[in-house]
PDB file of all heavy atoms in Angstrom:
ATOM      1  N   GLU A   1       0.137 -10.489 -29.696  1.00  0.00           N
ATOM      2  CA  GLU A   1       0.513  -9.062 -29.747  1.00  0.00           C
ATOM      3  C   GLU A   1      -0.009  -8.408 -28.496  1.00  0.00           C
ATOM      4  O   GLU A   1      -1.186  -8.492 -28.169  1.00  0.00           O
ATOM      5  CB  GLU A   1      -0.096  -8.392 -30.965  1.00  0.00           C
ATOM      6  CG  GLU A   1       0.222  -6.894 -31.013  1.00  0.00           C
ATOM      7  CD  GLU A   1      -0.380  -6.235 -32.237  1.00  0.00           C
ATOM      8  OE1 GLU A   1      -1.101  -6.906 -32.967  1.00  0.00           O
ATOM      9  OE2 GLU A   1      -0.135  -5.051 -32.407  1.00  0.00           O
ATOM     10  N   TYR A   2       0.933  -7.838 -27.711  1.00  0.00           N
ATOM     11  CA  TYR A   2       0.466  -7.103 -26.546  1.00  0.00           C
ATOM     12  C   TYR A   2       1.312  -5.840 -26.433  1.00  0.00           C
ATOM     13  O   TYR A   2       2.471  -5.820 -26.779  1.00  0.00           O
ATOM     14  CB  TYR A   2       0.575  -7.949 -25.272  1.00  0.00           C
ATOM     15  CG  TYR A   2       1.919  -8.503 -24.992  1.00  0.00           C
ATOM     16  CD1 TYR A   2       2.851  -7.787 -24.243  1.00  0.00           C
ATOM     17  CD2 TYR A   2       2.286  -9.758 -25.494  1.00  0.00           C
ATOM     18  CE1 TYR A   2       4.094  -8.301 -24.004  1.00  0.00           C
ATOM     19  CE2 TYR A   2       3.524 -10.269 -25.236  1.00  0.00           C
ATOM     20  CZ  TYR A   2       4.430  -9.553 -24.499  1.00  0.00           C
ATOM     21  OH  TYR A   2       5.667 -10.060 -24.242  1.00  0.00           O
ATOM     22  N   ILE A   3       0.709  -4.785 -25.958  1.00  0.00           N
ATOM     23  CA  ILE A   3       1.394  -3.500 -25.866  1.00  0.00           C
ATOM     24  C   ILE A   3       1.453  -3.094 -24.410  1.00  0.00           C
ATOM     25  O   ILE A   3       0.454  -3.122 -23.699  1.00  0.00           O
ATOM     26  CB  ILE A   3       0.644  -2.424 -26.671  1.00  0.00           C
ATOM     27  CG1 ILE A   3       0.590  -2.851 -28.146  1.00  0.00           C
ATOM     28  CG2 ILE A   3       1.289  -1.079 -26.511  1.00  0.00           C
ATOM     29  CD1 ILE A   3      -0.202  -1.906 -29.003  1.00  0.00           C
ATOM     30  N   TYR A   4       2.644  -2.753 -23.974  1.00  0.00           N
ATOM     31  CA  TYR A   4       2.805  -2.273 -22.615  1.00  0.00           C
ATOM     32  C   TYR A   4       2.526  -0.771 -22.579  1.00  0.00           C
ATOM     33  O   TYR A   4       3.227   0.004 -23.230  1.00  0.00           O
ATOM     34  CB  TYR A   4       4.224  -2.538 -22.117  1.00  0.00           C
ATOM     35  CG  TYR A   4       4.452  -3.972 -21.780  1.00  0.00           C
ATOM     36  CD1 TYR A   4       4.885  -4.860 -22.746  1.00  0.00           C
ATOM     37  CD2 TYR A   4       4.204  -4.442 -20.496  1.00  0.00           C
ATOM     38  CE1 TYR A   4       5.072  -6.193 -22.451  1.00  0.00           C
ATOM     39  CE2 TYR A   4       4.397  -5.774 -20.195  1.00  0.00           C
ATOM     40  CZ  TYR A   4       4.833  -6.633 -21.167  1.00  0.00           C
ATOM     41  OH  TYR A   4       5.031  -7.953 -20.868  1.00  0.00           O
ATOM     42  N   LEU A   5       1.490  -0.336 -21.859  1.00  0.00           N
ATOM     43  CA  LEU A   5       1.172   1.074 -21.719  1.00  0.00           C
ATOM     44  C   LEU A   5       2.122   1.695 -20.714  1.00  0.00           C
ATOM     45  O   LEU A   5       2.762   1.019 -19.935  1.00  0.00           O
ATOM     46  CB  LEU A   5      -0.289   1.200 -21.255  1.00  0.00           C
ATOM     47  CG  LEU A   5      -1.298   0.449 -22.134  1.00  0.00           C
ATOM     48  CD1 LEU A   5      -2.687   0.570 -21.547  1.00  0.00           C
ATOM     49  CD2 LEU A   5      -1.277   0.983 -23.555  1.00  0.00           C
ATOM     50  N   HIS A   6       2.177   3.003 -20.696  1.00  0.00           N
ATOM     51  CA  HIS A   6       3.143   3.665 -19.838  1.00  0.00           C
ATOM     52  C   HIS A   6       2.593   3.972 -18.452  1.00  0.00           C
ATOM     53  O   HIS A   6       3.348   4.057 -17.492  1.00  0.00           O
ATOM     54  CB  HIS A   6       3.629   4.959 -20.494  1.00  0.00           C
ATOM     55  CG  HIS A   6       4.285   4.704 -21.807  1.00  0.00           C
ATOM     56  ND1 HIS A   6       5.423   3.944 -21.930  1.00  0.00           N
ATOM     57  CD2 HIS A   6       3.956   5.090 -23.064  1.00  0.00           C
ATOM     58  CE1 HIS A   6       5.780   3.888 -23.182  1.00  0.00           C
ATOM     59  NE2 HIS A   6       4.915   4.560 -23.901  1.00  0.00           N
ATOM     60  N   THR A   7       1.330   4.210 -18.346  1.00  0.00           N
ATOM     61  CA  THR A   7       0.786   4.599 -17.052  1.00  0.00           C
ATOM     62  C   THR A   7      -0.526   3.912 -16.813  1.00  0.00           C
ATOM     63  O   THR A   7      -1.188   3.440 -17.728  1.00  0.00           O
ATOM     64  CB  THR A   7       0.552   6.127 -16.987  1.00  0.00           C
ATOM     65  OG1 THR A   7      -0.335   6.488 -18.038  1.00  0.00           O
ATOM     66  CG2 THR A   7       1.861   6.893 -17.142  1.00  0.00           C
ATOM     67  N   GLN A   8      -0.902   3.825 -15.563  1.00  0.00           N
ATOM     68  CA  GLN A   8      -2.219   3.288 -15.207  1.00  0.00           C
ATOM     69  C   GLN A   8      -2.627   3.899 -13.884  1.00  0.00           C
ATOM     70  O   GLN A   8      -1.807   4.037 -12.984  1.00  0.00           O
ATOM     71  CB  GLN A   8      -2.165   1.760 -15.075  1.00  0.00           C
ATOM     72  CG  GLN A   8      -3.536   1.178 -14.732  1.00  0.00           C
ATOM     73  CD  GLN A   8      -3.424  -0.232 -14.154  1.00  0.00           C
ATOM     74  OE1 GLN A   8      -2.535  -0.490 -13.374  1.00  0.00           O
ATOM     75  NE2 GLN A   8      -4.349  -1.091 -14.524  1.00  0.00           N
ATOM     76  N   ARG A   9      -3.897   4.281 -13.765  1.00  0.00           N
ATOM     77  CA  ARG A   9      -4.392   4.783 -12.490  1.00  0.00           C
ATOM     78  C   ARG A   9      -4.479   3.643 -11.504  1.00  0.00           C
ATOM     79  O   ARG A   9      -4.938   2.567 -11.835  1.00  0.00           O
ATOM     80  CB  ARG A   9      -5.764   5.402 -12.680  1.00  0.00           C
ATOM     81  CG  ARG A   9      -5.777   6.871 -12.264  1.00  0.00           C
ATOM     82  CD  ARG A   9      -7.028   7.556 -12.670  1.00  0.00           C
ATOM     83  NE  ARG A   9      -8.234   6.883 -12.188  1.00  0.00           N
ATOM     84  CZ  ARG A   9      -9.439   7.220 -12.557  1.00  0.00           C
ATOM     85  NH1 ARG A   9      -9.614   8.189 -13.415  1.00  0.00           N
ATOM     86  NH2 ARG A   9     -10.487   6.591 -12.100  1.00  0.00           N
ATOM     87  N   ILE A  10      -3.998   3.828 -10.294  1.00  0.00           N
ATOM     88  CA  ILE A  10      -4.094   2.796  -9.269  1.00  0.00           C
ATOM     89  C   ILE A  10      -5.553   2.637  -8.849  1.00  0.00           C
ATOM     90  O   ILE A  10      -6.250   3.612  -8.600  1.00  0.00           O
ATOM     91  CB  ILE A  10      -3.250   3.172  -8.026  1.00  0.00           C
ATOM     92  CG1 ILE A  10      -1.788   3.332  -8.419  1.00  0.00           C
ATOM     93  CG2 ILE A  10      -3.406   2.124  -6.940  1.00  0.00           C
ATOM     94  CD1 ILE A  10      -1.179   2.068  -8.988  1.00  0.00           C
ATOM     95  N   ARG A  11      -6.005   1.420  -8.799  1.00  0.00           N
ATOM     96  CA  ARG A  11      -7.385   1.158  -8.366  1.00  0.00           C
ATOM     97  C   ARG A  11      -7.447   1.303  -6.848  1.00  0.00           C
ATOM     98  O   ARG A  11      -7.112   0.389  -6.101  1.00  0.00           O
ATOM     99  CB  ARG A  11      -7.793  -0.243  -8.785  1.00  0.00           C
ATOM    100  CG  ARG A  11      -7.840  -0.422 -10.312  1.00  0.00           C
ATOM    101  CD  ARG A  11      -8.210  -1.858 -10.627  1.00  0.00           C
ATOM    102  NE  ARG A  11      -8.429  -2.060 -12.042  1.00  0.00           N
ATOM    103  CZ  ARG A  11      -7.469  -2.294 -12.916  1.00  0.00           C
ATOM    104  NH1 ARG A  11      -6.224  -2.323 -12.510  1.00  0.00           N
ATOM    105  NH2 ARG A  11      -7.746  -2.487 -14.184  1.00  0.00           N
ATOM    106  N   LEU A  12      -7.888   2.482  -6.394  1.00  0.00           N
ATOM    107  CA  LEU A  12      -7.861   2.767  -4.968  1.00  0.00           C
ATOM    108  C   LEU A  12      -8.766   1.836  -4.175  1.00  0.00           C
ATOM    109  O   LEU A  12      -8.438   1.452  -3.050  1.00  0.00           O
ATOM    110  CB  LEU A  12      -8.259   4.227  -4.730  1.00  0.00           C
ATOM    111  CG  LEU A  12      -7.266   5.266  -5.257  1.00  0.00           C
ATOM    112  CD1 LEU A  12      -7.780   6.675  -4.964  1.00  0.00           C
ATOM    113  CD2 LEU A  12      -5.912   5.068  -4.634  1.00  0.00           C
ATOM    114  N   GLY A  13      -9.881   1.484  -4.778  1.00  0.00           N
ATOM    115  CA  GLY A  13     -10.778   0.609  -4.031  1.00  0.00           C
ATOM    116  C   GLY A  13     -10.128  -0.722  -3.725  1.00  0.00           C
ATOM    117  O   GLY A  13     -10.172  -1.205  -2.596  1.00  0.00           O
ATOM    118  N   ALA A  14      -9.489  -1.323  -4.732  1.00  0.00           N
ATOM    119  CA  ALA A  14      -8.839  -2.613  -4.511  1.00  0.00           C
ATOM    120  C   ALA A  14      -7.677  -2.464  -3.549  1.00  0.00           C
ATOM    121  O   ALA A  14      -7.432  -3.320  -2.696  1.00  0.00           O
ATOM    122  CB  ALA A  14      -8.366  -3.193  -5.844  1.00  0.00           C
ATOM    123  N   ALA A  15      -6.929  -1.360  -3.699  1.00  0.00           N
ATOM    124  CA  ALA A  15      -5.780  -1.163  -2.811  1.00  0.00           C
ATOM    125  C   ALA A  15      -6.227  -1.022  -1.362  1.00  0.00           C
ATOM    126  O   ALA A  15      -5.640  -1.595  -0.451  1.00  0.00           O
ATOM    127  CB  ALA A  15      -5.002   0.073  -3.251  1.00  0.00           C
ATOM    128  N   LEU A  16      -7.294  -0.202  -1.134  1.00  0.00           N
ATOM    129  CA  LEU A  16      -7.791  -0.039   0.234  1.00  0.00           C
ATOM    130  C   LEU A  16      -8.290  -1.360   0.797  1.00  0.00           C
ATOM    131  O   LEU A  16      -8.036  -1.699   1.960  1.00  0.00           O
ATOM    132  CB  LEU A  16      -8.919   1.002   0.246  1.00  0.00           C
ATOM    133  CG  LEU A  16      -8.469   2.460   0.091  1.00  0.00           C
ATOM    134  CD1 LEU A  16      -9.665   3.348  -0.198  1.00  0.00           C
ATOM    135  CD2 LEU A  16      -7.764   2.916   1.354  1.00  0.00           C
ATOM    136  N   ALA A  17      -8.982  -2.112  -0.038  1.00  0.00           N
ATOM    137  CA  ALA A  17      -9.485  -3.390   0.445  1.00  0.00           C
ATOM    138  C   ALA A  17      -8.346  -4.335   0.774  1.00  0.00           C
ATOM    139  O   ALA A  17      -8.399  -5.089   1.742  1.00  0.00           O
ATOM    140  CB  ALA A  17     -10.400  -4.009  -0.607  1.00  0.00           C
ATOM    141  N   LEU A  18      -7.297  -4.294  -0.038  1.00  0.00           N
ATOM    142  CA  LEU A  18      -6.150  -5.139   0.238  1.00  0.00           C
ATOM    143  C   LEU A  18      -5.517  -4.779   1.568  1.00  0.00           C
ATOM    144  O   LEU A  18      -5.181  -5.641   2.377  1.00  0.00           O
ATOM    145  CB  LEU A  18      -5.122  -4.987  -0.896  1.00  0.00           C
ATOM    146  CG  LEU A  18      -3.790  -5.716  -0.704  1.00  0.00           C
ATOM    147  CD1 LEU A  18      -4.039  -7.217  -0.638  1.00  0.00           C
ATOM    148  CD2 LEU A  18      -2.837  -5.378  -1.825  1.00  0.00           C
ATOM    149  N   CYS A  19      -5.354  -3.478   1.794  1.00  0.00           N
ATOM    150  CA  CYS A  19      -4.776  -3.042   3.064  1.00  0.00           C
ATOM    151  C   CYS A  19      -5.630  -3.485   4.242  1.00  0.00           C
ATOM    152  O   CYS A  19      -5.119  -3.934   5.271  1.00  0.00           O
ATOM    153  CB  CYS A  19      -4.633  -1.513   3.070  1.00  0.00           C
ATOM    154  SG  CYS A  19      -3.522  -0.916   1.796  1.00  0.00           S
ATOM    155  N   ALA A  20      -6.926  -3.326   4.087  1.00  0.00           N
ATOM    156  CA  ALA A  20      -7.820  -3.622   5.198  1.00  0.00           C
ATOM    157  C   ALA A  20      -7.789  -5.081   5.576  1.00  0.00           C
ATOM    158  O   ALA A  20      -8.073  -5.441   6.722  1.00  0.00           O
ATOM    159  CB  ALA A  20      -9.247  -3.217   4.827  1.00  0.00           C
ATOM    160  N   ALA A  21      -7.430  -5.944   4.627  1.00  0.00           N
ATOM    161  CA  ALA A  21      -7.471  -7.369   4.939  1.00  0.00           C
ATOM    162  C   ALA A  21      -6.097  -8.002   5.048  1.00  0.00           C
ATOM    163  O   ALA A  21      -5.987  -9.202   5.153  1.00  0.00           O
ATOM    164  CB  ALA A  21      -8.288  -8.103   3.884  1.00  0.00           C
ATOM    165  N   LEU A  22      -5.036  -7.192   4.992  1.00  0.00           N
ATOM    166  CA  LEU A  22      -3.702  -7.763   5.148  1.00  0.00           C
ATOM    167  C   LEU A  22      -3.636  -8.564   6.447  1.00  0.00           C
ATOM    168  O   LEU A  22      -4.037  -8.100   7.510  1.00  0.00           O
ATOM    169  CB  LEU A  22      -2.638  -6.667   5.189  1.00  0.00           C
ATOM    170  CG  LEU A  22      -2.006  -6.283   3.850  1.00  0.00           C
ATOM    171  CD1 LEU A  22      -1.202  -5.013   4.015  1.00  0.00           C
ATOM    172  CD2 LEU A  22      -1.145  -7.411   3.352  1.00  0.00           C
ATOM    173  N   LEU A  23      -3.110  -9.728   6.328  1.00  0.00           N
ATOM    174  CA  LEU A  23      -2.920 -10.661   7.435  1.00  0.00           C
ATOM    175  C   LEU A  23      -4.204 -11.333   7.889  1.00  0.00           C
ATOM    176  O   LEU A  23      -4.170 -12.226   8.727  1.00  0.00           O
ATOM    177  CB  LEU A  23      -2.233 -10.001   8.642  1.00  0.00           C
ATOM    178  CG  LEU A  23      -0.979  -9.177   8.317  1.00  0.00           C
ATOM    179  CD1 LEU A  23      -0.377  -8.632   9.593  1.00  0.00           C
ATOM    180  CD2 LEU A  23       0.022 -10.010   7.575  1.00  0.00           C
ATOM    181  N   LEU A  24      -5.361 -10.897   7.389  1.00  0.00           N
ATOM    182  CA  LEU A  24      -6.601 -11.563   7.758  1.00  0.00           C
ATOM    183  C   LEU A  24      -6.836 -12.783   6.878  1.00  0.00           C
ATOM    184  O   LEU A  24      -7.284 -13.820   7.343  1.00  0.00           O
ATOM    185  CB  LEU A  24      -7.778 -10.581   7.614  1.00  0.00           C
ATOM    186  CG  LEU A  24      -7.890  -9.518   8.715  1.00  0.00           C
ATOM    187  CD1 LEU A  24      -9.031  -8.582   8.377  1.00  0.00           C
ATOM    188  CD2 LEU A  24      -8.103 -10.164  10.068  1.00  0.00           C
ATOM    189  N   GLY A  25      -6.523 -12.624   5.556  1.00  0.00           N
ATOM    190  CA  GLY A  25      -6.694 -13.735   4.640  1.00  0.00           C
ATOM    191  C   GLY A  25      -8.122 -13.894   4.194  1.00  0.00           C
ATOM    192  O   GLY A  25      -8.977 -13.061   4.415  1.00  0.00           O
ATOM    193  N   ASN A  26      -8.386 -14.988   3.621  1.00  0.00           N
ATOM    194  CA  ASN A  26      -9.686 -15.305   3.066  1.00  0.00           C
ATOM    195  C   ASN A  26     -10.215 -16.536   3.768  1.00  0.00           C
ATOM    196  O   ASN A  26      -9.693 -17.625   3.624  1.00  0.00           O
ATOM    197  CB  ASN A  26      -9.536 -15.575   1.553  1.00  0.00           C
ATOM    198  CG  ASN A  26     -10.882 -15.765   0.898  1.00  0.00           C
ATOM    199  OD1 ASN A  26     -11.844 -16.150   1.542  1.00  0.00           O
ATOM    200  ND2 ASN A  26     -10.933 -15.502  -0.413  1.00  0.00           N
ATOM    201  N   ALA A  27     -11.219 -16.372   4.569  1.00  0.00           N
ATOM    202  CA  ALA A  27     -11.715 -17.482   5.368  1.00  0.00           C
ATOM    203  C   ALA A  27     -12.244 -18.593   4.485  1.00  0.00           C
ATOM    204  O   ALA A  27     -12.067 -19.779   4.778  1.00  0.00           O
ATOM    205  CB  ALA A  27     -12.824 -16.989   6.306  1.00  0.00           C
ATOM    206  N   ALA A  28     -12.883 -18.219   3.399  1.00  0.00           N
ATOM    207  CA  ALA A  28     -13.425 -19.255   2.523  1.00  0.00           C
ATOM    208  C   ALA A  28     -12.307 -20.097   1.934  1.00  0.00           C
ATOM    209  O   ALA A  28     -12.415 -21.311   1.838  1.00  0.00           O
ATOM    210  CB  ALA A  28     -14.245 -18.614   1.403  1.00  0.00           C
ATOM    211  N   ALA A  29     -11.212 -19.428   1.531  1.00  0.00           N
ATOM    212  CA  ALA A  29     -10.098 -20.184   0.966  1.00  0.00           C
ATOM    213  C   ALA A  29      -9.456 -21.048   2.021  1.00  0.00           C
ATOM    214  O   ALA A  29      -8.963 -22.143   1.755  1.00  0.00           O
ATOM    215  CB  ALA A  29      -9.062 -19.226   0.358  1.00  0.00           C
ATOM    216  N   ALA A  30      -9.409 -20.570   3.259  1.00  0.00           N
ATOM    217  CA  ALA A  30      -8.786 -21.348   4.323  1.00  0.00           C
ATOM    218  C   ALA A  30      -9.547 -22.630   4.583  1.00  0.00           C
ATOM    219  O   ALA A  30      -8.994 -23.618   5.046  1.00  0.00           O
ATOM    220  CB  ALA A  30      -8.703 -20.517   5.604  1.00  0.00           C
ATOM    221  N   GLN A  31     -10.858 -22.613   4.315  1.00  0.00           N
ATOM    222  CA  GLN A  31     -11.655 -23.801   4.554  1.00  0.00           C
ATOM    223  C   GLN A  31     -11.512 -24.805   3.424  1.00  0.00           C
ATOM    224  O   GLN A  31     -11.836 -25.980   3.582  1.00  0.00           O
ATOM    225  CB  GLN A  31     -13.135 -23.405   4.699  1.00  0.00           C
ATOM    226  CG  GLN A  31     -13.410 -22.567   5.954  1.00  0.00           C
ATOM    227  CD  GLN A  31     -14.829 -22.053   5.977  1.00  0.00           C
ATOM    228  OE1 GLN A  31     -15.603 -22.302   5.061  1.00  0.00           O
ATOM    229  NE2 GLN A  31     -15.165 -21.345   7.037  1.00  0.00           N
ATOM    230  N   ALA A  32     -11.046 -24.328   2.249  1.00  0.00           N
ATOM    231  CA  ALA A  32     -10.922 -25.232   1.110  1.00  0.00           C
ATOM    232  C   ALA A  32      -9.623 -25.996   1.196  1.00  0.00           C
ATOM    233  O   ALA A  32      -8.563 -25.412   1.342  1.00  0.00           O
ATOM    234  CB  ALA A  32     -10.961 -24.430  -0.199  1.00  0.00           C
ATOM    235  N   ALA A  33      -9.703 -27.302   1.156  1.00  0.00           N
ATOM    236  CA  ALA A  33      -8.492 -28.108   1.268  1.00  0.00           C
ATOM    237  C   ALA A  33      -7.671 -27.980   0.005  1.00  0.00           C
ATOM    238  O   ALA A  33      -8.195 -28.066  -1.097  1.00  0.00           O
ATOM    239  CB  ALA A  33      -8.858 -29.581   1.492  1.00  0.00           C
ATOM    240  N   GLY A  34      -6.365 -27.795   0.152  1.00  0.00           N
ATOM    241  CA  GLY A  34      -5.481 -27.724  -0.996  1.00  0.00           C
ATOM    242  C   GLY A  34      -5.122 -29.113  -1.470  1.00  0.00           C
ATOM    243  O   GLY A  34      -5.418 -30.108  -0.820  1.00  0.00           O
ATOM    244  N   PRO A  35      -4.466 -29.209  -2.622  1.00  0.00           N
ATOM    245  CA  PRO A  35      -4.074 -30.503  -3.156  1.00  0.00           C
ATOM    246  C   PRO A  35      -3.015 -31.161  -2.275  1.00  0.00           C
ATOM    247  O   PRO A  35      -2.256 -30.488  -1.591  1.00  0.00           O
ATOM    248  CB  PRO A  35      -3.496 -30.160  -4.537  1.00  0.00           C
ATOM    249  CG  PRO A  35      -3.095 -28.733  -4.429  1.00  0.00           C
ATOM    250  CD  PRO A  35      -4.071 -28.104  -3.475  1.00  0.00           C
ATOM    251  N   THR A  36      -2.969 -32.469  -2.287  1.00  0.00           N
ATOM    252  CA  THR A  36      -1.999 -33.187  -1.482  1.00  0.00           C
ATOM    253  C   THR A  36      -0.613 -32.911  -2.006  1.00  0.00           C
ATOM    254  O   THR A  36      -0.324 -33.154  -3.179  1.00  0.00           O
ATOM    255  CB  THR A  36      -2.271 -34.702  -1.553  1.00  0.00           C
ATOM    256  OG1 THR A  36      -3.601 -34.921  -1.108  1.00  0.00           O
ATOM    257  CG2 THR A  36      -1.278 -35.467  -0.694  1.00  0.00           C
ATOM    258  N   PRO A  37       0.290 -32.368  -1.189  1.00  0.00           N
ATOM    259  CA  PRO A  37       1.622 -32.024  -1.692  1.00  0.00           C
ATOM    260  C   PRO A  37       2.426 -33.272  -1.996  1.00  0.00           C
ATOM    261  O   PRO A  37       2.315 -34.279  -1.308  1.00  0.00           O
ATOM    262  CB  PRO A  37       2.237 -31.222  -0.533  1.00  0.00           C
ATOM    263  CG  PRO A  37       1.508 -31.703   0.685  1.00  0.00           C
ATOM    264  CD  PRO A  37       0.115 -32.044   0.227  1.00  0.00           C
ATOM    265  N   THR A  38       3.263 -33.187  -3.016  1.00  0.00           N
ATOM    266  CA  THR A  38       4.146 -34.294  -3.340  1.00  0.00           C
ATOM    267  C   THR A  38       5.402 -34.217  -2.501  1.00  0.00           C
ATOM    268  O   THR A  38       5.788 -33.169  -2.001  1.00  0.00           O
ATOM    269  CB  THR A  38       4.533 -34.234  -4.828  1.00  0.00           C
ATOM    270  OG1 THR A  38       5.079 -32.942  -5.103  1.00  0.00           O
ATOM    271  CG2 THR A  38       3.308 -34.453  -5.705  1.00  0.00           C
TER     272      THR A  38
END
């Protein structure tokens, strides 16, 4: 059972942080090797 609410306040902190790092990425994730593609 899940209910879809009608409105939600935008999390400005997360949004600003997302903007600030667009195209920069996550250095830690870049260092982690991904799974071998099939």
